[in-house]
């Protein structure tokens, strides 16, 4: 089903030789802020891939799907994030309901900003298209519904995959990788269950914040959906051929995790390829991360020069910028 991962600049050159130019390419982002790591994997590497394709005599006609993860949590919380990084839940709510600068949500502010950065590829390659897709817009798709319900019903199986593919332990409780958002207070903390017989499932939710107990159809709720199992329905719904992401996901064993989750869900996905860009770190050598407040904004031209100068490196430090100016 899956090929071996394509790593960094050399992997990109190898990948370009195998593509037709018509592929559907997966990009994903948490829609709050846009740092150097995002610039590397969402803008620089797509641009370089298009250029490499031209070098081997093919016309880039890719469709880049920029998945806006508004079902991501506002911040991660849990009993012990270092010891049990998979026993997590939103601190309060999802980005879909996180207010920002008097707008409905942080997503409303950052989605157009991020999309404008990524769409630079369309200026250089007239046959390439970038489509932005919010996760919440897929809620009513039958594939998304089926896999979200499975995630709610079988957290133990998902936890076993995460445990066996990583160096971290998984506690028995709390254990969930999806949760309904409370319809009363819009918080995503509490307990969510699937009740009823197959094909007539209903959602029961108890909110930890306002103590509201709600029962309704799947469609009556919005959701927090942990990004690892959430990747699977997006791959299937959009018939993805190639994923471009950062090396931090390779380090977290996401390549193997996706393969096992695809089998668990019985997903019908294309035999896709994954291209990993280098891990981008700050001057303190820590991974570029918005959630850990270790993020630096870098323009396209500057980040491209940095990537090209260190094209064979697994790790690129933003502190190196001073050496290329």
Protein backbone atom coordinates (compact mmCIF):
# COMPACT_ATOMS: atom_id res chain seq x y z
CA UNK A 1 0.00 0.00 0.00
CA UNK A 2 2.66 2.48 1.04
CA UNK A 3 6.13 3.05 -0.36
CA UNK A 4 9.18 3.95 1.66
CA UNK A 5 9.35 7.63 2.64
CA UNK A 6 11.15 10.11 0.40
CA UNK A 7 13.59 12.11 2.46
CA UNK A 8 14.63 15.71 1.98
CA UNK A 9 16.15 17.14 -1.21
CA UNK A 10 17.43 13.86 -2.65
CA UNK A 11 14.09 12.19 -1.94
CA UNK A 12 12.32 15.03 -3.71
CA UNK A 13 14.49 14.52 -6.80
CA UNK A 14 13.73 10.79 -6.76
CA UNK A 15 10.03 11.44 -6.30
CA UNK A 16 9.83 13.93 -9.19
CA UNK A 17 11.03 11.24 -11.61
CA UNK A 18 8.14 8.98 -10.57
CA UNK A 19 5.30 11.50 -10.81
CA UNK A 20 3.15 12.35 -13.82
CA UNK A 21 2.45 15.92 -12.71
CA UNK A 22 -1.30 15.32 -12.27
CA UNK A 23 -1.14 14.10 -8.66
CA UNK A 24 -3.27 15.22 -5.73
CA UNK A 25 -0.99 16.41 -2.95
CA UNK A 26 -1.79 16.61 0.77
CA UNK A 27 -0.65 19.56 2.88
CA UNK A 28 -1.89 20.14 6.41
CA UNK A 29 -1.63 22.97 8.92
CA UNK A 30 -2.91 24.06 12.31
CA UNK A 31 -4.53 27.40 11.46
CA UNK A 32 -2.94 29.69 13.99
CA UNK A 33 0.27 31.40 12.95
CA UNK A 34 2.65 30.55 10.11
CA UNK A 35 6.24 29.86 11.14
CA UNK A 36 9.44 28.82 9.38
CA UNK A 37 8.60 25.11 9.63
CA UNK A 38 5.28 25.72 7.86
CA UNK A 39 7.04 27.79 5.21
CA UNK A 40 9.45 24.92 4.55
CA UNK A 41 6.92 22.11 4.11
CA UNK A 42 3.93 24.04 2.75
CA UNK A 43 5.62 26.49 0.36
CA UNK A 44 9.32 25.84 -0.29
CA UNK A 45 9.10 22.08 -0.85
CA UNK A 46 6.00 22.27 -3.10
CA UNK A 47 7.79 24.92 -5.18
CA UNK A 48 10.97 22.85 -5.41
CA UNK A 49 9.00 19.73 -6.34
CA UNK A 50 7.35 21.58 -9.23
CA UNK A 51 10.75 22.79 -10.42
CA UNK A 52 12.25 19.31 -10.22
CA UNK A 53 9.33 17.99 -12.26
CA UNK A 54 10.09 20.53 -14.99
CA UNK A 55 13.74 19.48 -14.97
CA UNK A 56 12.73 15.95 -15.96
CA UNK A 57 10.52 17.27 -18.75
CA UNK A 58 7.06 17.17 -17.14
CA UNK A 59 4.51 19.93 -16.67
CA UNK A 60 3.31 20.44 -13.06
CA UNK A 61 -0.48 20.20 -12.95
CA UNK A 62 -0.75 19.23 -9.30
CA UNK A 63 -3.72 19.93 -7.09
CA UNK A 64 -2.49 20.83 -3.62
CA UNK A 65 -5.07 20.23 -0.92
CA UNK A 66 -4.32 22.56 1.98
CA UNK A 67 -6.19 21.01 4.90
CA UNK A 68 -7.09 23.60 7.52
CA UNK A 69 -7.32 21.69 10.79
CA UNK A 70 -10.01 23.64 12.60
CA UNK A 71 -10.87 20.47 14.55
CA UNK A 72 -7.45 20.75 16.20
CA UNK A 73 -7.42 21.61 19.90
CA UNK A 74 -6.71 25.16 21.13
CA UNK A 75 -3.89 23.60 23.20
CA UNK A 76 -3.13 20.10 24.41
CA UNK A 77 -3.91 19.06 27.96
CA UNK A 78 -3.58 15.74 29.73
CA UNK A 79 -2.42 14.01 32.90
CA UNK A 80 1.28 14.03 31.86
CA UNK A 81 2.09 15.27 28.35
CA UNK A 82 5.72 14.11 28.50
CA UNK A 83 5.09 10.63 29.88
CA UNK A 84 1.74 10.01 28.14
CA UNK A 85 1.67 12.26 25.02
CA UNK A 86 -1.25 10.30 23.55
CA UNK A 87 -3.48 10.63 26.62
CA UNK A 88 -4.57 14.09 25.58
CA UNK A 89 -7.59 16.29 25.07
CA UNK A 90 -8.23 19.98 24.28
CA UNK A 91 -7.37 22.47 26.99
CA UNK A 92 -10.73 24.13 26.39
CA UNK A 93 -12.08 23.81 22.87
CA UNK A 94 -11.17 23.43 19.22
CA UNK A 95 -9.70 26.07 16.93
CA UNK A 96 -13.09 26.22 15.23
CA UNK A 97 -14.42 27.85 18.41
CA UNK A 98 -11.33 29.70 19.64
CA UNK A 99 -12.04 33.45 19.39
CA UNK A 100 -9.44 35.78 17.89
CA UNK A 101 -9.43 39.53 17.27
CA UNK A 102 -13.23 39.86 17.43
CA UNK A 103 -13.69 37.29 14.65
CA UNK A 104 -15.70 34.11 14.99
CA UNK A 105 -12.54 32.04 15.41
CA UNK A 106 -8.78 31.99 15.08
CA UNK A 107 -9.35 30.01 11.89
CA UNK A 108 -11.23 32.86 10.22
CA UNK A 109 -8.20 35.08 10.71
CA UNK A 110 -5.41 32.68 9.79
CA UNK A 111 -6.91 30.64 6.96
CA UNK A 112 -6.68 33.44 4.33
CA UNK A 113 -3.21 34.41 5.57
CA UNK A 114 -1.89 30.84 5.28
CA UNK A 115 -3.66 30.22 1.96
CA UNK A 116 -2.07 33.37 0.47
CA UNK A 117 1.40 32.09 1.43
CA UNK A 118 0.81 28.66 -0.11
CA UNK A 119 -0.76 30.02 -3.29
CA UNK A 120 2.56 31.52 -4.35
CA UNK A 121 3.05 28.24 -6.23
CA UNK A 122 0.15 29.17 -8.54
CA UNK A 123 1.96 32.34 -9.60
CA UNK A 124 4.95 30.40 -10.89
CA UNK A 125 3.12 27.35 -12.23
CA UNK A 126 -0.10 28.35 -14.03
CA UNK A 127 -1.52 24.82 -14.23
CA UNK A 128 -1.13 24.11 -10.50
CA UNK A 129 -4.07 24.67 -8.17
CA UNK A 130 -4.30 25.08 -4.38
CA UNK A 131 -7.58 24.11 -2.71
CA UNK A 132 -8.19 24.95 0.94
CA UNK A 133 -10.37 22.51 2.86
CA UNK A 134 -11.50 22.93 6.45
CA UNK A 135 -11.87 19.68 8.33
CA UNK A 136 -15.24 20.83 9.66
CA UNK A 137 -16.54 21.09 6.07
CA UNK A 138 -16.14 17.30 5.76
CA UNK A 139 -18.28 16.47 8.79
CA UNK A 140 -21.23 15.25 6.70
CA UNK A 141 -19.15 13.15 4.33
CA UNK A 142 -19.99 9.45 4.96
CA UNK A 143 -16.31 8.45 5.09
CA UNK A 144 -15.49 11.12 7.68
CA UNK A 145 -18.54 10.12 9.70
CA UNK A 146 -17.65 6.41 9.59
CA UNK A 147 -14.05 6.89 10.74
CA UNK A 148 -14.91 9.43 13.41
CA UNK A 149 -17.47 7.03 14.85
CA UNK A 150 -14.89 4.23 14.78
CA UNK A 151 -12.40 6.48 16.56
CA UNK A 152 -14.97 7.19 19.28
CA UNK A 153 -15.84 3.50 19.62
CA UNK A 154 -12.39 1.86 19.49
CA UNK A 155 -9.82 4.07 21.27
CA UNK A 156 -8.00 1.02 22.67
CA UNK A 157 -7.08 -0.21 19.19
CA UNK A 158 -5.74 3.22 18.19
CA UNK A 159 -3.82 3.50 21.46
CA UNK A 160 -2.21 0.11 20.84
CA UNK A 161 -0.95 1.30 17.43
CA UNK A 162 0.48 4.50 18.90
CA UNK A 163 2.15 2.59 21.73
CA UNK A 164 3.78 -0.06 19.54
CA UNK A 165 5.10 2.47 17.02
CA UNK A 166 6.58 4.93 19.51
CA UNK A 167 8.80 5.05 22.56
CA UNK A 168 5.95 6.34 24.74
CA UNK A 169 3.59 4.53 27.06
CA UNK A 170 -0.19 4.94 26.90
CA UNK A 171 -2.31 5.08 30.01
CA UNK A 172 -5.69 3.39 30.16
CA UNK A 173 -7.48 6.59 31.17
CA UNK A 174 -8.35 9.09 29.95
CA UNK A 175 -8.24 7.53 26.50
CA UNK A 176 -10.00 9.16 23.57
CA UNK A 177 -8.96 10.45 20.16
CA UNK A 178 -12.18 12.26 19.31
CA UNK A 179 -14.78 14.14 21.33
CA UNK A 180 -17.96 16.11 20.69
CA UNK A 181 -17.99 19.85 21.25
CA UNK A 182 -20.62 20.86 23.79
CA UNK A 183 -23.55 22.51 22.03
CA UNK A 184 -24.26 24.67 25.08
CA UNK A 185 -20.85 26.19 25.91
CA UNK A 186 -18.73 25.12 22.88
CA UNK A 187 -16.07 23.52 25.09
CA UNK A 188 -14.50 20.18 24.12
CA UNK A 189 -13.86 18.61 27.49
CA UNK A 190 -15.83 15.75 28.96
CA UNK A 191 -17.03 12.37 27.78
CA UNK A 192 -18.48 11.32 24.43
CA UNK A 193 -19.99 7.93 23.62
CA UNK A 194 -21.59 6.29 20.61
CA UNK A 195 -24.85 4.64 21.65
CA UNK A 196 -27.42 2.63 19.74
CA UNK A 197 -27.15 -0.15 17.20
CA UNK A 198 -25.06 0.03 14.01
CA UNK A 199 -26.59 2.29 11.32
CA UNK A 200 -28.67 4.00 14.01
CA UNK A 201 -25.85 5.44 16.07
CA UNK A 202 -26.47 8.39 18.36
CA UNK A 203 -23.98 10.53 20.24
CA UNK A 204 -24.13 11.03 24.01
CA UNK A 205 -21.97 13.80 25.46
CA UNK A 206 -21.38 15.06 28.98
CA UNK A 207 -19.60 18.42 29.25
CA UNK A 208 -17.02 18.79 31.99
CA UNK A 209 -17.38 22.60 31.95
CA UNK A 210 -21.09 23.36 32.07
CA UNK A 211 -22.21 19.85 33.09
CA UNK A 212 -24.70 19.69 30.25
CA UNK A 213 -25.71 16.21 29.16
CA UNK A 214 -26.71 16.01 25.51
CA UNK A 215 -27.89 13.23 23.22
CA UNK A 216 -28.38 13.58 19.50
CA UNK A 217 -27.45 12.46 16.02
CA UNK A 218 -23.83 12.55 14.85
CA UNK A 219 -24.69 15.55 12.68
CA UNK A 220 -25.93 17.53 15.70
CA UNK A 221 -22.39 18.02 17.05
CA UNK A 222 -19.05 19.44 16.02
CA UNK A 223 -15.92 17.56 17.06
CA UNK A 224 -12.35 17.50 18.24
CA UNK A 225 -10.55 14.82 16.20
CA UNK A 226 -6.95 13.93 17.01
CA UNK A 227 -4.75 14.61 13.99
CA UNK A 228 -3.29 11.11 13.61
CA UNK A 229 -6.54 9.18 12.95
CA UNK A 230 -8.00 12.28 11.26
CA UNK A 231 -5.44 11.92 8.45
CA UNK A 232 -7.02 8.67 7.20
CA UNK A 233 -10.43 9.95 6.01
CA UNK A 234 -8.80 12.91 4.28
CA UNK A 235 -6.51 10.56 2.35
CA UNK A 236 -9.48 8.52 1.17
CA UNK A 237 -11.98 11.29 0.49
CA UNK A 238 -9.59 13.28 -1.71
CA UNK A 239 -7.78 10.34 -3.33
CA UNK A 240 -4.40 11.66 -2.21
CA UNK A 241 -1.33 10.53 -4.17
CA UNK A 242 1.45 12.40 -2.33
CA UNK A 243 1.85 13.87 1.17
CA UNK A 244 4.39 16.61 1.92
CA UNK A 245 5.21 17.17 5.56
CA UNK A 246 8.06 17.90 7.98
CA UNK A 247 10.61 15.52 9.44
CA UNK A 248 9.08 15.95 12.91
CA UNK A 249 6.23 13.69 11.77
CA UNK A 250 8.71 11.07 10.58
CA UNK A 251 10.41 11.18 13.99
CA UNK A 252 6.97 10.67 15.59
CA UNK A 253 6.49 7.51 13.46
CA UNK A 254 3.51 9.00 11.62
CA UNK A 255 4.51 7.11 8.46
CA UNK A 256 4.04 3.75 10.18
CA UNK A 257 1.08 4.93 12.25
CA UNK A 258 -0.84 5.93 9.12
CA UNK A 259 -0.23 2.57 7.51
CA UNK A 260 -1.58 0.75 10.57
CA UNK A 261 -4.56 3.09 10.98
CA UNK A 262 -5.48 2.61 7.32
CA UNK A 263 -5.61 -1.15 7.96
CA UNK A 264 -7.57 -0.68 11.20
CA UNK A 265 -10.22 1.46 9.51
CA UNK A 266 -10.28 -0.65 6.36
CA UNK A 267 -9.70 2.54 4.39
CA UNK A 268 -9.60 2.46 0.59
CA UNK A 269 -6.77 4.88 -0.11
CA UNK A 270 -4.52 5.35 -3.11
CA UNK A 271 -0.98 3.88 -2.80
CA UNK A 272 0.40 7.28 -1.81
CA UNK A 273 3.95 8.52 -1.39
CA UNK A 274 5.25 10.75 1.43
CA UNK A 275 7.92 13.41 1.03
CA UNK A 276 9.56 14.69 4.22
CA UNK A 277 11.24 18.06 4.41
CA UNK A 278 13.93 18.74 7.05
CA UNK A 279 13.11 19.35 10.68
CA UNK A 280 13.13 23.11 11.22
CA UNK A 281 14.36 24.20 14.65
CA UNK A 282 14.83 27.53 16.33
CA UNK A 283 18.06 29.04 17.55
CA UNK A 284 17.57 27.04 20.78
CA UNK A 285 17.64 23.76 18.76
CA UNK A 286 14.02 22.99 19.68
CA UNK A 287 11.46 22.03 17.04
CA UNK A 288 9.60 24.94 15.52
CA UNK A 289 6.21 24.76 17.21
CA UNK A 290 3.32 27.18 17.61
CA UNK A 291 1.86 25.24 20.52
CA UNK A 292 5.18 25.43 22.39
CA UNK A 293 5.59 29.13 21.51
CA UNK A 294 8.84 28.37 19.71
CA UNK A 295 7.98 29.87 16.34
CA UNK A 296 9.70 32.37 14.06
CA UNK A 297 8.20 33.85 10.90
CA UNK A 298 10.45 33.68 7.84
CA UNK A 299 9.67 34.87 4.31
CA UNK A 300 9.61 32.55 1.31
CA UNK A 301 12.82 33.76 -0.35
CA UNK A 302 14.80 33.62 2.89
CA UNK A 303 13.53 30.14 3.80
CA UNK A 304 14.21 28.89 0.30
CA UNK A 305 17.81 30.12 0.42
CA UNK A 306 18.22 28.41 3.78
CA UNK A 307 16.83 25.10 2.48
CA UNK A 308 18.96 25.23 -0.66
CA UNK A 309 22.14 25.98 1.24
CA UNK A 310 21.51 23.05 3.58
CA UNK A 311 19.65 20.86 1.08
CA UNK A 312 21.11 17.57 2.33
CA UNK A 313 20.56 18.28 6.02
CA UNK A 314 17.96 16.50 8.13
CA UNK A 315 17.74 19.51 10.45
CA UNK A 316 17.74 23.17 9.46
CA UNK A 317 18.20 25.79 12.14
CA UNK A 318 16.52 29.15 11.62
CA UNK A 319 19.51 30.66 13.40
CA UNK A 320 21.47 29.85 10.22
CA UNK A 321 19.65 32.66 8.43
CA UNK A 322 22.32 35.15 9.38
CA UNK A 323 24.81 33.07 7.36
CA UNK A 324 22.91 33.44 4.09
CA UNK A 325 22.07 37.15 4.17
